[in-house]
Amino acid sequence: MPVAQLTLEIRIEHSRSLKDRRQVVRSLKDQLRQGFNASVAEMDEDTTWQSATIGIAAISRSRDYLHGMIEEIERAARRILNEHGAELVDSFWEYLES
């Protein structure tokens, strides 16, 4: 059964504290979890206030469905980040077959 993994590298330019960073990251994670049936987690530690890495995983019987879902998640993440004054710097995804 295919599993899709999406990694998002984000930049939070306006962040001046860990609290600012957490607000953006938490909002992104909550909205993606609520809008999609996918697992969302922060992948890095709170080492820098102005960047974060988010990992998203989804499973389905259909690779085509996963492909469309990952594209939708990426578009939604870009929109959410723009609303918070952050930007999606890089994203990459892959299939993991089990």
C-alpha atoms as a PDB file:
ATOM      1  CA  MET A   1       0.000   0.000   0.000  1.00  0.00           C
ATOM      2  CA  PRO A   2       1.518   3.365  -0.992  1.00  0.00           C
ATOM      3  CA  VAL A   3       2.324   6.049   1.548  1.00  0.00           C
ATOM      4  CA  ALA A   4       3.055   9.629   0.493  1.00  0.00           C
ATOM      5  CA  GLN A   5       5.427  11.772   2.506  1.00  0.00           C
ATOM      6  CA  LEU A   6       5.562  15.548   2.024  1.00  0.00           C
ATOM      7  CA  THR A   7       8.198  17.764   3.631  1.00  0.00           C
ATOM      8  CA  LEU A   8       7.690  21.516   3.828  1.00  0.00           C
ATOM      9  CA  GLU A   9      10.508  23.943   4.563  1.00  0.00           C
ATOM     10  CA  ILE A  10       9.056  27.218   5.777  1.00  0.00           C
ATOM     11  CA  ARG A  11      10.483  30.648   6.522  1.00  0.00           C
ATOM     12  CA  ILE A  12       8.877  32.959   9.079  1.00  0.00           C
ATOM     13  CA  GLU A  13      10.656  36.223   8.397  1.00  0.00           C
ATOM     14  CA  HIS A  14       8.671  38.341  10.862  1.00  0.00           C
ATOM     15  CA  SER A  15       9.253  35.957  13.776  1.00  0.00           C
ATOM     16  CA  ARG A  16      11.111  37.642  16.611  1.00  0.00           C
ATOM     17  CA  SER A  17      10.577  34.987  19.255  1.00  0.00           C
ATOM     18  CA  LEU A  18       9.836  31.337  19.762  1.00  0.00           C
ATOM     19  CA  LYS A  19       6.251  32.316  20.539  1.00  0.00           C
ATOM     20  CA  ASP A  20       5.853  33.946  17.104  1.00  0.00           C
ATOM     21  CA  ARG A  21       7.259  30.828  15.444  1.00  0.00           C
ATOM     22  CA  ARG A  22       5.027  28.470  17.401  1.00  0.00           C
ATOM     23  CA  GLN A  23       1.938  30.467  16.516  1.00  0.00           C
ATOM     24  CA  VAL A  24       2.555  30.055  12.782  1.00  0.00           C
ATOM     25  CA  VAL A  25       3.615  26.406  12.998  1.00  0.00           C
ATOM     26  CA  ARG A  26       0.725  25.409  15.265  1.00  0.00           C
ATOM     27  CA  SER A  27      -1.807  27.151  13.027  1.00  0.00           C
ATOM     28  CA  LEU A  28      -0.413  25.438   9.932  1.00  0.00           C
ATOM     29  CA  LYS A  29      -0.417  22.004  11.556  1.00  0.00           C
ATOM     30  CA  ASP A  30      -3.937  22.384  12.967  1.00  0.00           C
ATOM     31  CA  GLN A  31      -5.447  23.609   9.705  1.00  0.00           C
ATOM     32  CA  LEU A  32      -3.806  20.867   7.634  1.00  0.00           C
ATOM     33  CA  ARG A  33      -4.924  18.177  10.085  1.00  0.00           C
ATOM     34  CA  GLN A  34      -8.462  19.544  10.086  1.00  0.00           C
ATOM     35  CA  GLY A  35      -8.699  19.905   6.313  1.00  0.00           C
ATOM     36  CA  PHE A  36      -7.059  16.649   5.233  1.00  0.00           C
ATOM     37  CA  ASN A  37      -6.971  13.107   6.522  1.00  0.00           C
ATOM     38  CA  ALA A  38      -3.191  13.165   6.989  1.00  0.00           C
ATOM     39  CA  SER A  39      -0.634  13.066   9.767  1.00  0.00           C
ATOM     40  CA  VAL A  40       1.218  16.337  10.355  1.00  0.00           C
ATOM     41  CA  ALA A  41       4.259  16.844  12.579  1.00  0.00           C
ATOM     42  CA  GLU A  42       7.054  19.314  13.121  1.00  0.00           C
ATOM     43  CA  MET A  43      10.291  17.657  12.059  1.00  0.00           C
ATOM     44  CA  ASP A  44      12.946  19.908  13.544  1.00  0.00           C
ATOM     45  CA  GLU A  45      13.591  21.268  16.971  1.00  0.00           C
ATOM     46  CA  ASP A  46      12.966  24.867  17.978  1.00  0.00           C
ATOM     47  CA  THR A  47      16.528  25.828  17.085  1.00  0.00           C
ATOM     48  CA  THR A  48      15.768  28.884  14.993  1.00  0.00           C
ATOM     49  CA  TRP A  49      12.866  31.293  15.276  1.00  0.00           C
ATOM     50  CA  GLN A  50      12.562  32.009  11.587  1.00  0.00           C
ATOM     51  CA  SER A  51      12.373  28.581  10.002  1.00  0.00           C
ATOM     52  CA  ALA A  52      10.661  25.246  10.472  1.00  0.00           C
ATOM     53  CA  THR A  53      10.313  21.875   8.775  1.00  0.00           C
ATOM     54  CA  ILE A  54       6.916  20.187   8.668  1.00  0.00           C
ATOM     55  CA  GLY A  55       6.362  16.546   7.718  1.00  0.00           C
ATOM     56  CA  ILE A  56       3.069  15.237   6.371  1.00  0.00           C
ATOM     57  CA  ALA A  57       2.186  11.609   5.693  1.00  0.00           C
ATOM     58  CA  ALA A  58      -0.868  10.048   4.065  1.00  0.00           C
ATOM     59  CA  ILE A  59      -1.804   6.519   3.091  1.00  0.00           C
ATOM     60  CA  SER A  60      -4.218   5.251   0.451  1.00  0.00           C
ATOM     61  CA  ARG A  61      -4.752   2.349  -1.900  1.00  0.00           C
ATOM     62  CA  SER A  62      -4.530   4.693  -4.860  1.00  0.00           C
ATOM     63  CA  ARG A  63      -1.297   6.391  -5.853  1.00  0.00           C
ATOM     64  CA  ASP A  64      -3.253   8.807  -8.045  1.00  0.00           C
ATOM     65  CA  TYR A  65      -5.399   9.835  -5.083  1.00  0.00           C
ATOM     66  CA  LEU A  66      -2.283  10.422  -2.971  1.00  0.00           C
ATOM     67  CA  HIS A  67      -0.703  12.500  -5.711  1.00  0.00           C
ATOM     68  CA  GLY A  68      -3.739  14.781  -5.896  1.00  0.00           C
ATOM     69  CA  MET A  69      -3.984  14.984  -2.126  1.00  0.00           C
ATOM     70  CA  ILE A  70      -0.321  15.991  -1.723  1.00  0.00           C
ATOM     71  CA  GLU A  71      -0.746  18.717  -4.339  1.00  0.00           C
ATOM     72  CA  GLU A  72      -3.822  20.034  -2.509  1.00  0.00           C
ATOM     73  CA  ILE A  73      -2.005  19.985   0.838  1.00  0.00           C
ATOM     74  CA  GLU A  74       0.911  21.907  -0.636  1.00  0.00           C
ATOM     75  CA  ARG A  75      -1.417  24.570  -2.086  1.00  0.00           C
ATOM     76  CA  ALA A  76      -3.265  24.854   1.229  1.00  0.00           C
ATOM     77  CA  ALA A  77       0.011  25.155   3.153  1.00  0.00           C
ATOM     78  CA  ARG A  78       1.194  27.931   0.846  1.00  0.00           C
ATOM     79  CA  ARG A  79      -2.097  29.816   1.353  1.00  0.00           C
ATOM     80  CA  ILE A  80      -2.058  29.377   5.149  1.00  0.00           C
ATOM     81  CA  LEU A  81       1.547  30.500   5.391  1.00  0.00           C
ATOM     82  CA  ASN A  82       0.871  33.579   3.253  1.00  0.00           C
ATOM     83  CA  GLU A  83      -1.983  34.515   5.598  1.00  0.00           C
ATOM     84  CA  HIS A  84       0.508  34.435   8.490  1.00  0.00           C
ATOM     85  CA  GLY A  85       3.219  36.386   6.696  1.00  0.00           C
ATOM     86  CA  ALA A  86       5.391  33.304   6.215  1.00  0.00           C
ATOM     87  CA  GLU A  87       6.511  31.574   3.041  1.00  0.00           C
ATOM     88  CA  LEU A  88       6.996  28.080   1.732  1.00  0.00           C
ATOM     89  CA  VAL A  89      10.680  27.993   0.796  1.00  0.00           C
ATOM     90  CA  ASP A  90      10.860  24.406  -0.443  1.00  0.00           C
ATOM     91  CA  SER A  91       8.759  21.275  -0.599  1.00  0.00           C
ATOM     92  CA  PHE A  92       9.461  17.757  -1.696  1.00  0.00           C
ATOM     93  CA  TRP A  93       7.537  14.539  -1.559  1.00  0.00           C
ATOM     94  CA  GLU A  94       8.013  10.880  -2.184  1.00  0.00           C
ATOM     95  CA  TYR A  95       6.142   7.593  -2.183  1.00  0.00           C
ATOM     96  CA  LEU A  96       7.028   4.877   0.254  1.00  0.00           C
ATOM     97  CA  GLU A  97       5.757   1.448  -0.709  1.00  0.00           C
ATOM     98  CA  SER A  98       4.930  -0.997   2.052  1.00  0.00           C
END
